[in-house]
Structures are given as C-alpha cells and as structure tokens.
Amino acid sequence: MRIGHVSTKVISWFANIIKKNKRSLSVLTEIKERVQLDIDTHFITNEELDYLAEGTWDDWTSCGNILKNYPLPEIDLNEIDWLKVGEFLVDALQLRLCPEQEDEEIDILD
C-alpha cells in the first residue's frame, strides 16, 4: 500500500527525531517510555494505532524544545494517514501494544 505524500512527511519528521537521538540512549529511552506510557494508559491495541499516532503528534508538537530543533513539515493534518504513522512508531520504537480482548458476556445471575 502506498503511503501518501503528507503521511511520508510526518513519518520522516518522527524518523529524523528518533534517528538523531539514537546515540543518546537516555533520550531514546525517554522517547520510547513516553509513547509506551500512552499505550499502557489508554490500552491501545493494533486497532487504535491512529489514536496513538495523533496523540504522539499532539504531544511532540506541543514541546518547544522539539519544535526548535525539528521544524514541522508544511502539511495539511487532514491528509495524514494516522494509521500508517502509528505503524511506523510501533516499529521504529519497538513498542508493545495492548492485546486485543474479546468482549465477555457478563451473566449477572451467576
């Protein structure tokens, strides 16, 4: 599946931040832990990678230090395939998603 031009710009922006911080294990660990915390807090599964990506974008783009060092690409947020961005983040940061859980019927008479 072809990733759209806008999504590619967003993925490249995230990839640049991750790549430039690979030499600093403490910074890379902090990046990974911050995103993993979102996954664990919101019980994000494979079905909700778009939610993870949008939340991570909102988090990272609200940090002045990040924006000072990594200017935002000129994009239309409505054109981003957040699912593809989420897949990239999980792969690049080696994140653990929450397992899918079947809805269990609750028998209140038991």
Protein backbone atom coordinates (compact mmCIF):
# COMPACT_ATOMS: atom_id res chain seq x y z
CA MET A 1 0.00 0.00 0.00
CA ARG A 2 1.37 3.39 -0.99
CA ILE A 3 1.74 5.93 1.81
CA GLY A 4 0.54 9.40 0.87
CA HIS A 5 2.98 12.29 0.49
CA VAL A 6 1.73 14.05 3.63
CA SER A 7 1.99 10.90 5.75
CA THR A 8 5.51 10.35 4.43
CA LYS A 9 6.47 13.86 5.62
CA VAL A 10 5.10 13.14 9.10
CA ILE A 11 6.84 9.76 9.27
CA SER A 12 10.09 11.39 8.11
CA TRP A 13 9.74 14.05 10.81
CA PHE A 14 9.34 11.39 13.52
CA ALA A 15 12.12 9.26 11.98
CA ASN A 16 14.52 12.21 11.99
CA ILE A 17 13.93 12.82 15.71
CA ILE A 18 14.39 9.13 16.53
CA LYS A 19 17.49 8.80 14.33
CA LYS A 20 19.19 11.90 15.72
CA ASN A 21 18.64 10.68 19.28
CA LYS A 22 19.83 7.08 18.78
CA ARG A 23 23.28 7.99 20.08
CA SER A 24 21.84 9.18 23.37
CA LEU A 25 20.43 6.08 25.00
CA SER A 26 18.81 8.08 27.80
CA VAL A 27 16.93 10.35 25.38
CA LEU A 28 15.86 7.46 23.17
CA THR A 29 14.71 5.53 26.24
CA GLU A 30 12.72 8.56 27.40
CA ILE A 31 11.09 8.88 23.96
CA LYS A 32 10.15 5.21 23.93
CA GLU A 33 8.88 5.22 27.52
CA ARG A 34 6.75 8.31 26.90
CA VAL A 35 4.96 6.73 23.93
CA GLN A 36 4.72 3.34 25.67
CA LEU A 37 3.08 5.05 28.65
CA ASP A 38 0.35 6.36 26.32
CA ILE A 39 -0.21 2.84 25.03
CA ASP A 40 -0.39 1.37 28.53
CA THR A 41 -2.55 4.19 29.94
CA HIS A 42 -5.09 4.13 27.12
CA PHE A 43 -4.91 0.35 26.45
CA ILE A 44 -4.06 0.97 22.80
CA THR A 45 -4.33 -2.05 20.56
CA ASN A 46 -3.44 -2.60 16.92
CA GLU A 47 -6.89 -1.27 16.04
CA GLU A 48 -6.12 2.11 17.60
CA LEU A 49 -2.79 2.99 16.03
CA ASP A 50 -4.33 6.11 14.53
CA TYR A 51 -5.21 7.32 18.04
CA LEU A 52 -1.63 6.60 19.18
CA ALA A 53 -0.13 8.49 16.23
CA GLU A 54 -2.35 11.55 16.62
CA GLY A 55 -1.74 11.66 20.35
CA THR A 56 2.01 11.35 19.89
CA TRP A 57 1.96 14.09 17.23
CA ASP A 58 0.00 16.38 19.56
CA ASP A 59 2.37 15.61 22.43
CA TRP A 60 5.60 16.11 20.50
CA THR A 61 4.42 19.20 18.61
CA SER A 62 3.48 20.89 21.88
CA CYS A 63 7.08 20.77 23.12
CA GLY A 64 9.05 23.91 22.36
CA ASN A 65 12.41 22.12 22.51
CA ILE A 66 11.33 19.62 19.88
CA LEU A 67 9.96 22.31 17.57
CA LYS A 68 13.08 24.44 18.00
CA ASN A 69 15.30 21.57 16.87
CA TYR A 70 12.92 19.84 14.43
CA PRO A 71 10.75 22.30 12.48
CA LEU A 72 7.36 20.99 11.47
CA PRO A 73 6.79 19.99 7.88
CA GLU A 74 4.26 22.05 5.96
CA ILE A 75 1.28 19.72 5.84
CA ASP A 76 -2.48 19.54 5.99
CA LEU A 77 -3.31 17.49 9.08
CA ASN A 78 -6.50 16.25 7.41
CA GLU A 79 -4.44 14.41 4.78
CA ILE A 80 -2.40 12.29 7.19
CA ASP A 81 -2.93 8.54 7.28
CA TRP A 82 -2.56 8.30 11.06
CA LEU A 83 -2.74 4.50 10.95
CA LYS A 84 0.45 4.35 8.85
CA VAL A 85 2.15 6.82 11.18
CA GLY A 86 1.14 4.68 14.16
CA GLU A 87 2.51 1.55 12.50
CA PHE A 88 5.80 3.36 11.93
CA LEU A 89 6.04 4.48 15.58
CA VAL A 90 5.38 0.98 16.92
CA ASP A 91 8.01 -0.49 14.60
CA ALA A 92 10.65 2.24 15.00
CA LEU A 93 10.39 2.41 18.78
CA GLN A 94 9.73 -1.32 19.25
CA LEU A 95 6.61 -0.67 21.31
CA ARG A 96 4.30 -3.22 22.91
CA LEU A 97 0.63 -2.79 22.12
CA CYS A 98 -2.08 -4.00 24.45
CA PRO A 99 -3.53 -7.35 23.39
CA GLU A 100 -6.92 -7.46 21.72
CA GLN A 101 -9.54 -8.62 24.19
CA GLU A 102 -12.76 -10.34 23.35
CA ASP A 103 -15.83 -8.78 24.90
CA GLU A 104 -17.04 -11.16 27.52
CA GLU A 105 -20.71 -11.52 28.26
CA ILE A 106 -21.43 -10.99 31.90
CA ASP A 107 -24.10 -13.21 33.39
CA ILE A 108 -25.44 -11.24 36.33
CA LEU A 109 -27.45 -14.23 37.55
CA ASP A 110 -24.35 -16.30 38.38
